Amino acid sequence: METVARLHGRDPAEVLHVGHSLDYDVRGALAAGAHALWITSRPPSSEALWLLAEYPGRVTSYRTSPVRSSTSSRPSFRQPR
């Protein structure tokens, strides 16, 4: 992340990393000095809440609807006639 920021003439603090892994995406972004947007379908654990509080303004959490595994949740596509 630091390398990419520097290649584009930016400071890592100007980068927003978006990901779903608290350990790899969020912690990785913070370690590089970047901001993080954490997308998750689960309620945050106490560890995640601590991390969000520890880095105010640098980590944002966005909670999505849980993904359903049934086939009825898949979009259906009809062939044109």
PDB file of N, CA and C in Angstrom:
ATOM      1  N   MET A   1       0.824  -1.184   0.000  1.00  0.00           N
ATOM      2  CA  MET A   1       0.000   0.000   0.000  1.00  0.00           C
ATOM      3  C   MET A   1       0.874   1.256   0.000  1.00  0.00           C
ATOM      4  N   GLU A   2       1.919   1.215   0.787  1.00  0.00           N
ATOM      5  CA  GLU A   2       2.813   2.371   0.825  1.00  0.00           C
ATOM      6  C   GLU A   2       3.462   2.593  -0.546  1.00  0.00           C
ATOM      7  N   THR A   3       3.857   1.496  -1.194  1.00  0.00           N
ATOM      8  CA  THR A   3       4.498   1.594  -2.501  1.00  0.00           C
ATOM      9  C   THR A   3       3.548   2.184  -3.535  1.00  0.00           C
ATOM     10  N   VAL A   4       2.311   1.720  -3.533  1.00  0.00           N
ATOM     11  CA  VAL A   4       1.319   2.228  -4.486  1.00  0.00           C
ATOM     12  C   VAL A   4       1.064   3.712  -4.249  1.00  0.00           C
ATOM     13  N   ALA A   5       0.936   4.099  -2.995  1.00  0.00           N
ATOM     14  CA  ALA A   5       0.712   5.514  -2.681  1.00  0.00           C
ATOM     15  C   ALA A   5       1.882   6.361  -3.194  1.00  0.00           C
ATOM     16  N   ARG A   6       3.081   5.913  -2.948  1.00  0.00           N
ATOM     17  CA  ARG A   6       4.259   6.675  -3.378  1.00  0.00           C
ATOM     18  C   ARG A   6       4.369   6.734  -4.908  1.00  0.00           C
ATOM     19  N   LEU A   7       4.031   5.628  -5.592  1.00  0.00           N
ATOM     20  CA  LEU A   7       4.067   5.616  -7.060  1.00  0.00           C
ATOM     21  C   LEU A   7       3.118   6.642  -7.661  1.00  0.00           C
ATOM     22  N   HIS A   8       2.052   6.937  -6.953  1.00  0.00           N
ATOM     23  CA  HIS A   8       1.076   7.914  -7.429  1.00  0.00           C
ATOM     24  C   HIS A   8       1.299   9.298  -6.824  1.00  0.00           C
ATOM     25  N   GLY A   9       2.427   9.451  -6.148  1.00  0.00           N
ATOM     26  CA  GLY A   9       2.765  10.745  -5.573  1.00  0.00           C
ATOM     27  C   GLY A   9       1.888  11.131  -4.390  1.00  0.00           C
ATOM     28  N   ARG A  10       1.407  10.152  -3.671  1.00  0.00           N
ATOM     29  CA  ARG A  10       0.524  10.402  -2.532  1.00  0.00           C
ATOM     30  C   ARG A  10       1.145   9.884  -1.250  1.00  0.00           C
ATOM     31  N   ASP A  11       0.707  10.441  -0.187  1.00  0.00           N
ATOM     32  CA  ASP A  11       1.073   9.970   1.135  1.00  0.00           C
ATOM     33  C   ASP A  11       0.100   8.850   1.506  1.00  0.00           C
ATOM     34  N   PRO A  12       0.543   7.806   2.209  1.00  0.00           N
ATOM     35  CA  PRO A  12      -0.384   6.751   2.605  1.00  0.00           C
ATOM     36  C   PRO A  12      -1.597   7.267   3.392  1.00  0.00           C
ATOM     37  N   ALA A  13      -1.451   8.379   4.086  1.00  0.00           N
ATOM     38  CA  ALA A  13      -2.572   8.947   4.846  1.00  0.00           C
ATOM     39  C   ALA A  13      -3.693   9.436   3.930  1.00  0.00           C
ATOM     40  N   GLU A  14      -3.415   9.550   2.620  1.00  0.00           N
ATOM     41  CA  GLU A  14      -4.430   9.970   1.656  1.00  0.00           C
ATOM     42  C   GLU A  14      -5.143   8.785   1.004  1.00  0.00           C
ATOM     43  N   VAL A  15      -4.771   7.568   1.393  1.00  0.00           N
ATOM     44  CA  VAL A  15      -5.311   6.354   0.783  1.00  0.00           C
ATOM     45  C   VAL A  15      -6.446   5.797   1.637  1.00  0.00           C
ATOM     46  N   LEU A  16      -7.510   5.346   0.966  1.00  0.00           N
ATOM     47  CA  LEU A  16      -8.609   4.629   1.624  1.00  0.00           C
ATOM     48  C   LEU A  16      -8.584   3.206   1.102  1.00  0.00           C
ATOM     49  N   HIS A  17      -8.330   2.257   1.990  1.00  0.00           N
ATOM     50  CA  HIS A  17      -8.327   0.840   1.624  1.00  0.00           C
ATOM     51  C   HIS A  17      -9.682   0.256   1.999  1.00  0.00           C
ATOM     52  N   VAL A  18     -10.324  -0.429   1.056  1.00  0.00           N
ATOM     53  CA  VAL A  18     -11.629  -1.033   1.278  1.00  0.00           C
ATOM     54  C   VAL A  18     -11.467  -2.541   1.292  1.00  0.00           C
ATOM     55  N   GLY A  19     -12.005  -3.189   2.312  1.00  0.00           N
ATOM     56  CA  GLY A  19     -11.901  -4.641   2.378  1.00  0.00           C
ATOM     57  C   GLY A  19     -12.831  -5.248   3.397  1.00  0.00           C
ATOM     58  N   HIS A  20     -12.851  -6.573   3.418  1.00  0.00           N
ATOM     59  CA  HIS A  20     -13.756  -7.293   4.310  1.00  0.00           C
ATOM     60  C   HIS A  20     -13.047  -7.980   5.473  1.00  0.00           C
ATOM     61  N   SER A  21     -11.741  -8.033   5.463  1.00  0.00           N
ATOM     62  CA  SER A  21     -11.000  -8.717   6.520  1.00  0.00           C
ATOM     63  C   SER A  21     -10.495  -7.715   7.557  1.00  0.00           C
ATOM     64  N   LEU A  22     -10.902  -7.931   8.791  1.00  0.00           N
ATOM     65  CA  LEU A  22     -10.434  -7.056   9.869  1.00  0.00           C
ATOM     66  C   LEU A  22      -8.925  -7.189  10.029  1.00  0.00           C
ATOM     67  N   ASP A  23      -8.431  -8.423   9.990  1.00  0.00           N
ATOM     68  CA  ASP A  23      -7.005  -8.651  10.205  1.00  0.00           C
ATOM     69  C   ASP A  23      -6.139  -8.182   9.041  1.00  0.00           C
ATOM     70  N   TYR A  24      -6.516  -8.550   7.831  1.00  0.00           N
ATOM     71  CA  TYR A  24      -5.654  -8.226   6.687  1.00  0.00           C
ATOM     72  C   TYR A  24      -5.919  -6.832   6.128  1.00  0.00           C
ATOM     73  N   ASP A  25      -7.170  -6.504   5.887  1.00  0.00           N
ATOM     74  CA  ASP A  25      -7.483  -5.230   5.245  1.00  0.00           C
ATOM     75  C   ASP A  25      -7.388  -4.046   6.204  1.00  0.00           C
ATOM     76  N   VAL A  26      -8.081  -4.132   7.321  1.00  0.00           N
ATOM     77  CA  VAL A  26      -8.115  -2.995   8.254  1.00  0.00           C
ATOM     78  C   VAL A  26      -6.782  -2.815   8.961  1.00  0.00           C
ATOM     79  N   ARG A  27      -6.289  -3.871   9.569  1.00  0.00           N
ATOM     80  CA  ARG A  27      -5.002  -3.755  10.274  1.00  0.00           C
ATOM     81  C   ARG A  27      -3.852  -3.426   9.306  1.00  0.00           C
ATOM     82  N   GLY A  28      -3.904  -4.000   8.110  1.00  0.00           N
ATOM     83  CA  GLY A  28      -2.875  -3.711   7.110  1.00  0.00           C
ATOM     84  C   GLY A  28      -2.876  -2.248   6.698  1.00  0.00           C
ATOM     85  N   ALA A  29      -4.080  -1.701   6.474  1.00  0.00           N
ATOM     86  CA  ALA A  29      -4.184  -0.287   6.105  1.00  0.00           C
ATOM     87  C   ALA A  29      -3.664   0.605   7.227  1.00  0.00           C
ATOM     88  N   LEU A  30      -4.048   0.292   8.446  1.00  0.00           N
ATOM     89  CA  LEU A  30      -3.608   1.107   9.577  1.00  0.00           C
ATOM     90  C   LEU A  30      -2.092   1.028   9.754  1.00  0.00           C
ATOM     91  N   ALA A  31      -1.531  -0.161   9.574  1.00  0.00           N
ATOM     92  CA  ALA A  31      -0.076  -0.322   9.709  1.00  0.00           C
ATOM     93  C   ALA A  31       0.677   0.482   8.652  1.00  0.00           C
ATOM     94  N   ALA A  32       0.044   0.645   7.480  1.00  0.00           N
ATOM     95  CA  ALA A  32       0.682   1.411   6.411  1.00  0.00           C
ATOM     96  C   ALA A  32       0.421   2.910   6.538  1.00  0.00           C
ATOM     97  N   GLY A  33      -0.406   3.299   7.492  1.00  0.00           N
ATOM     98  CA  GLY A  33      -0.706   4.709   7.681  1.00  0.00           C
ATOM     99  C   GLY A  33      -1.896   5.198   6.875  1.00  0.00           C
ATOM    100  N   ALA A  34      -2.667   4.260   6.303  1.00  0.00           N
ATOM    101  CA  ALA A  34      -3.822   4.615   5.474  1.00  0.00           C
ATOM    102  C   ALA A  34      -5.116   4.565   6.280  1.00  0.00           C
ATOM    103  N   HIS A  35      -6.193   4.951   5.635  1.00  0.00           N
ATOM    104  CA  HIS A  35      -7.536   4.842   6.211  1.00  0.00           C
ATOM    105  C   HIS A  35      -8.130   3.510   5.757  1.00  0.00           C
ATOM    106  N   ALA A  36      -9.136   3.030   6.476  1.00  0.00           N
ATOM    107  CA  ALA A  36      -9.744   1.752   6.123  1.00  0.00           C
ATOM    108  C   ALA A  36     -11.262   1.845   6.173  1.00  0.00           C
ATOM    109  N   LEU A  37     -11.895   1.213   5.190  1.00  0.00           N
ATOM    110  CA  LEU A  37     -13.339   1.015   5.189  1.00  0.00           C
ATOM    111  C   LEU A  37     -13.540  -0.483   5.266  1.00  0.00           C
ATOM    112  N   TRP A  38     -14.131  -0.932   6.367  1.00  0.00           N
ATOM    113  CA  TRP A  38     -14.323  -2.361   6.621  1.00  0.00           C
ATOM    114  C   TRP A  38     -15.753  -2.721   6.293  1.00  0.00           C
ATOM    115  N   ILE A  39     -15.942  -3.605   5.324  1.00  0.00           N
ATOM    116  CA  ILE A  39     -17.274  -4.043   4.926  1.00  0.00           C
ATOM    117  C   ILE A  39     -17.508  -5.424   5.504  1.00  0.00           C
ATOM    118  N   THR A  40     -18.555  -5.551   6.303  1.00  0.00           N
ATOM    119  CA  THR A  40     -18.825  -6.815   6.979  1.00  0.00           C
ATOM    120  C   THR A  40     -20.316  -7.058   7.072  1.00  0.00           C
ATOM    121  N   SER A  41     -20.705  -8.326   7.136  1.00  0.00           N
ATOM    122  CA  SER A  41     -22.115  -8.669   7.319  1.00  0.00           C
ATOM    123  C   SER A  41     -22.389  -9.080   8.753  1.00  0.00           C
ATOM    124  N   ARG A  42     -21.347  -9.122   9.558  1.00  0.00           N
ATOM    125  CA  ARG A  42     -21.490  -9.548  10.959  1.00  0.00           C
ATOM    126  C   ARG A  42     -21.421  -8.350  11.902  1.00  0.00           C
ATOM    127  N   PRO A  43     -22.070  -8.467  13.052  1.00  0.00           N
ATOM    128  CA  PRO A  43     -21.901  -7.402  14.049  1.00  0.00           C
ATOM    129  C   PRO A  43     -20.435  -7.381  14.508  1.00  0.00           C
ATOM    130  N   PRO A  44     -19.890  -6.210  14.790  1.00  0.00           N
ATOM    131  CA  PRO A  44     -18.485  -6.148  15.202  1.00  0.00           C
ATOM    132  C   PRO A  44     -18.259  -6.804  16.561  1.00  0.00           C
ATOM    133  N   SER A  45     -17.163  -7.523  16.665  1.00  0.00           N
ATOM    134  CA  SER A  45     -16.771  -8.139  17.934  1.00  0.00           C
ATOM    135  C   SER A  45     -16.250  -7.057  18.874  1.00  0.00           C
ATOM    136  N   SER A  46     -15.998  -7.432  20.106  1.00  0.00           N
ATOM    137  CA  SER A  46     -15.436  -6.460  21.050  1.00  0.00           C
ATOM    138  C   SER A  46     -14.056  -6.002  20.585  1.00  0.00           C
ATOM    139  N   GLU A  47     -13.297  -6.910  19.965  1.00  0.00           N
ATOM    140  CA  GLU A  47     -11.984  -6.543  19.430  1.00  0.00           C
ATOM    141  C   GLU A  47     -12.130  -5.515  18.309  1.00  0.00           C
ATOM    142  N   ALA A  48     -13.109  -5.715  17.439  1.00  0.00           N
ATOM    143  CA  ALA A  48     -13.338  -4.777  16.332  1.00  0.00           C
ATOM    144  C   ALA A  48     -13.795  -3.428  16.866  1.00  0.00           C
ATOM    145  N   LEU A  49     -14.661  -3.432  17.859  1.00  0.00           N
ATOM    146  CA  LEU A  49     -15.122  -2.167  18.454  1.00  0.00           C
ATOM    147  C   LEU A  49     -13.958  -1.414  19.082  1.00  0.00           C
ATOM    148  N   TRP A  50     -13.054  -2.144  19.726  1.00  0.00           N
ATOM    149  CA  TRP A  50     -11.867  -1.510  20.316  1.00  0.00           C
ATOM    150  C   TRP A  50     -11.030  -0.873  19.225  1.00  0.00           C
ATOM    151  N   LEU A  51     -10.843  -1.594  18.112  1.00  0.00           N
ATOM    152  CA  LEU A  51     -10.038  -1.069  17.010  1.00  0.00           C
ATOM    153  C   LEU A  51     -10.673   0.183  16.411  1.00  0.00           C
ATOM    154  N   LEU A  52     -11.978   0.165  16.244  1.00  0.00           N
ATOM    155  CA  LEU A  52     -12.683   1.339  15.719  1.00  0.00           C
ATOM    156  C   LEU A  52     -12.514   2.541  16.651  1.00  0.00           C
ATOM    157  N   ALA A  53     -12.564   2.287  17.949  1.00  0.00           N
ATOM    158  CA  ALA A  53     -12.419   3.374  18.928  1.00  0.00           C
ATOM    159  C   ALA A  53     -10.966   3.858  19.021  1.00  0.00           C
ATOM    160  N   GLU A  54     -10.028   2.943  18.800  1.00  0.00           N
ATOM    161  CA  GLU A  54      -8.604   3.274  18.911  1.00  0.00           C
ATOM    162  C   GLU A  54      -8.137   4.195  17.779  1.00  0.00           C
ATOM    163  N   TYR A  55      -8.805   4.110  16.625  1.00  0.00           N
ATOM    164  CA  TYR A  55      -8.408   4.902  15.459  1.00  0.00           C
ATOM    165  C   TYR A  55      -9.583   5.747  14.956  1.00  0.00           C
ATOM    166  N   PRO A  56     -10.033   6.699  15.753  1.00  0.00           N
ATOM    167  CA  PRO A  56     -11.175   7.508  15.311  1.00  0.00           C
ATOM    168  C   PRO A  56     -10.837   8.295  14.040  1.00  0.00           C
ATOM    169  N   GLY A  57     -11.751   8.245  13.089  1.00  0.00           N
ATOM    170  CA  GLY A  57     -11.541   8.964  11.851  1.00  0.00           C
ATOM    171  C   GLY A  57     -10.703   8.230  10.822  1.00  0.00           C
ATOM    172  N   ARG A  58     -10.094   7.108  11.201  1.00  0.00           N
ATOM    173  CA  ARG A  58      -9.262   6.356  10.244  1.00  0.00           C
ATOM    174  C   ARG A  58      -9.887   5.035   9.838  1.00  0.00           C
ATOM    175  N   VAL A  59     -10.851   4.543  10.636  1.00  0.00           N
ATOM    176  CA  VAL A  59     -11.513   3.283  10.314  1.00  0.00           C
ATOM    177  C   VAL A  59     -13.011   3.513  10.319  1.00  0.00           C
ATOM    178  N   THR A  60     -13.663   3.090   9.252  1.00  0.00           N
ATOM    179  CA  THR A  60     -15.114   3.161   9.160  1.00  0.00           C
ATOM    180  C   THR A  60     -15.627   1.758   8.904  1.00  0.00           C
ATOM    181  N   SER A  61     -16.723   1.418   9.550  1.00  0.00           N
ATOM    182  CA  SER A  61     -17.318   0.106   9.362  1.00  0.00           C
ATOM    183  C   SER A  61     -18.639   0.264   8.634  1.00  0.00           C
ATOM    184  N   TYR A  62     -18.867  -0.583   7.647  1.00  0.00           N
ATOM    185  CA  TYR A  62     -20.131  -0.586   6.909  1.00  0.00           C
ATOM    186  C   TYR A  62     -20.694  -1.992   6.982  1.00  0.00           C
ATOM    187  N   ARG A  63     -21.875  -2.107   7.561  1.00  0.00           N
ATOM    188  CA  ARG A  63     -22.465  -3.429   7.738  1.00  0.00           C
ATOM    189  C   ARG A  63     -23.474  -3.695   6.633  1.00  0.00           C
ATOM    190  N   THR A  64     -23.278  -4.798   5.938  1.00  0.00           N
ATOM    191  CA  THR A  64     -24.174  -5.204   4.869  1.00  0.00           C
ATOM    192  C   THR A  64     -25.174  -6.212   5.403  1.00  0.00           C
ATOM    193  N   SER A  65     -26.163  -6.521   4.616  1.00  0.00           N
ATOM    194  CA  SER A  65     -27.109  -7.577   4.973  1.00  0.00           C
ATOM    195  C   SER A  65     -26.394  -8.916   4.856  1.00  0.00           C
ATOM    196  N   PRO A  66     -26.731  -9.845   5.739  1.00  0.00           N
ATOM    197  CA  PRO A  66     -26.104 -11.165   5.628  1.00  0.00           C
ATOM    198  C   PRO A  66     -26.449 -11.812   4.292  1.00  0.00           C
ATOM    199  N   VAL A  67     -25.504 -12.541   3.751  1.00  0.00           N
ATOM    200  CA  VAL A  67     -25.718 -13.230   2.487  1.00  0.00           C
ATOM    201  C   VAL A  67     -26.456 -14.526   2.762  1.00  0.00           C
ATOM    202  N   ARG A  68     -27.486 -14.765   2.000  1.00  0.00           N
ATOM    203  CA  ARG A  68     -28.239 -16.013   2.159  1.00  0.00           C
ATOM    204  C   ARG A  68     -27.698 -17.036   1.191  1.00  0.00           C
ATOM    205  N   SER A  69     -27.679 -18.271   1.627  1.00  0.00           N
ATOM    206  CA  SER A  69     -27.113 -19.315   0.782  1.00  0.00           C
ATOM    207  C   SER A  69     -28.154 -20.069  -0.037  1.00  0.00           C
ATOM    208  N   SER A  70     -29.424 -19.757   0.140  1.00  0.00           N
ATOM    209  CA  SER A  70     -30.438 -20.483  -0.618  1.00  0.00           C
ATOM    210  C   SER A  70     -30.434 -20.033  -2.070  1.00  0.00           C
ATOM    211  N   THR A  71     -30.892 -20.904  -2.935  1.00  0.00           N
ATOM    212  CA  THR A  71     -30.905 -20.581  -4.361  1.00  0.00           C
ATOM    213  C   THR A  71     -31.940 -19.522  -4.683  1.00  0.00           C
ATOM    214  N   SER A  72     -32.927 -19.334  -3.815  1.00  0.00           N
ATOM    215  CA  SER A  72     -33.952 -18.333  -4.092  1.00  0.00           C
ATOM    216  C   SER A  72     -33.415 -16.910  -4.016  1.00  0.00           C
ATOM    217  N   SER A  73     -32.264 -16.717  -3.371  1.00  0.00           N
ATOM    218  CA  SER A  73     -31.692 -15.371  -3.278  1.00  0.00           C
ATOM    219  C   SER A  73     -30.857 -15.021  -4.509  1.00  0.00           C
ATOM    220  N   ARG A  74     -30.630 -15.992  -5.376  1.00  0.00           N
ATOM    221  CA  ARG A  74     -29.865 -15.722  -6.586  1.00  0.00           C
ATOM    222  C   ARG A  74     -30.742 -15.020  -7.609  1.00  0.00           C
ATOM    223  N   PRO A  75     -30.178 -14.094  -8.331  1.00  0.00           N
ATOM    224  CA  PRO A  75     -30.994 -13.445  -9.362  1.00  0.00           C
ATOM    225  C   PRO A  75     -31.305 -14.434 -10.475  1.00  0.00           C
ATOM    226  N   SER A  76     -32.478 -14.321 -11.029  1.00  0.00           N
ATOM    227  CA  SER A  76     -32.817 -15.197 -12.143  1.00  0.00           C
ATOM    228  C   SER A  76     -32.742 -14.387 -13.438  1.00  0.00           C
ATOM    229  N   PHE A  77     -32.181 -15.002 -14.443  1.00  0.00           N
ATOM    230  CA  PHE A  77     -32.022 -14.348 -15.726  1.00  0.00           C
ATOM    231  C   PHE A  77     -32.830 -15.113 -16.762  1.00  0.00           C
ATOM    232  N   ARG A  78     -33.607 -14.409 -17.524  1.00  0.00           N
ATOM    233  CA  ARG A  78     -34.418 -15.031 -18.560  1.00  0.00           C
ATOM    234  C   ARG A  78     -33.783 -14.782 -19.914  1.00  0.00           C
ATOM    235  N   GLN A  79     -33.786 -15.800 -20.709  1.00  0.00           N
ATOM    236  CA  GLN A  79     -33.257 -15.668 -22.066  1.00  0.00           C
ATOM    237  C   GLN A  79     -34.223 -14.863 -22.918  1.00  0.00           C
ATOM    238  N   PRO A  80     -33.741 -13.922 -23.734  1.00  0.00           N
ATOM    239  CA  PRO A  80     -34.658 -13.203 -24.627  1.00  0.00           C
ATOM    240  C   PRO A  80     -35.232 -14.148 -25.672  1.00  0.00           C
ATOM    241  N   ARG A  81     -36.461 -13.898 -26.089  1.00  0.00           N
ATOM    242  CA  ARG A  81     -37.115 -14.758 -27.093  1.00  0.00           C
ATOM    243  C   ARG A  81     -36.848 -14.293 -28.481  1.00  0.00           C
TER     244      ARG A  81
END
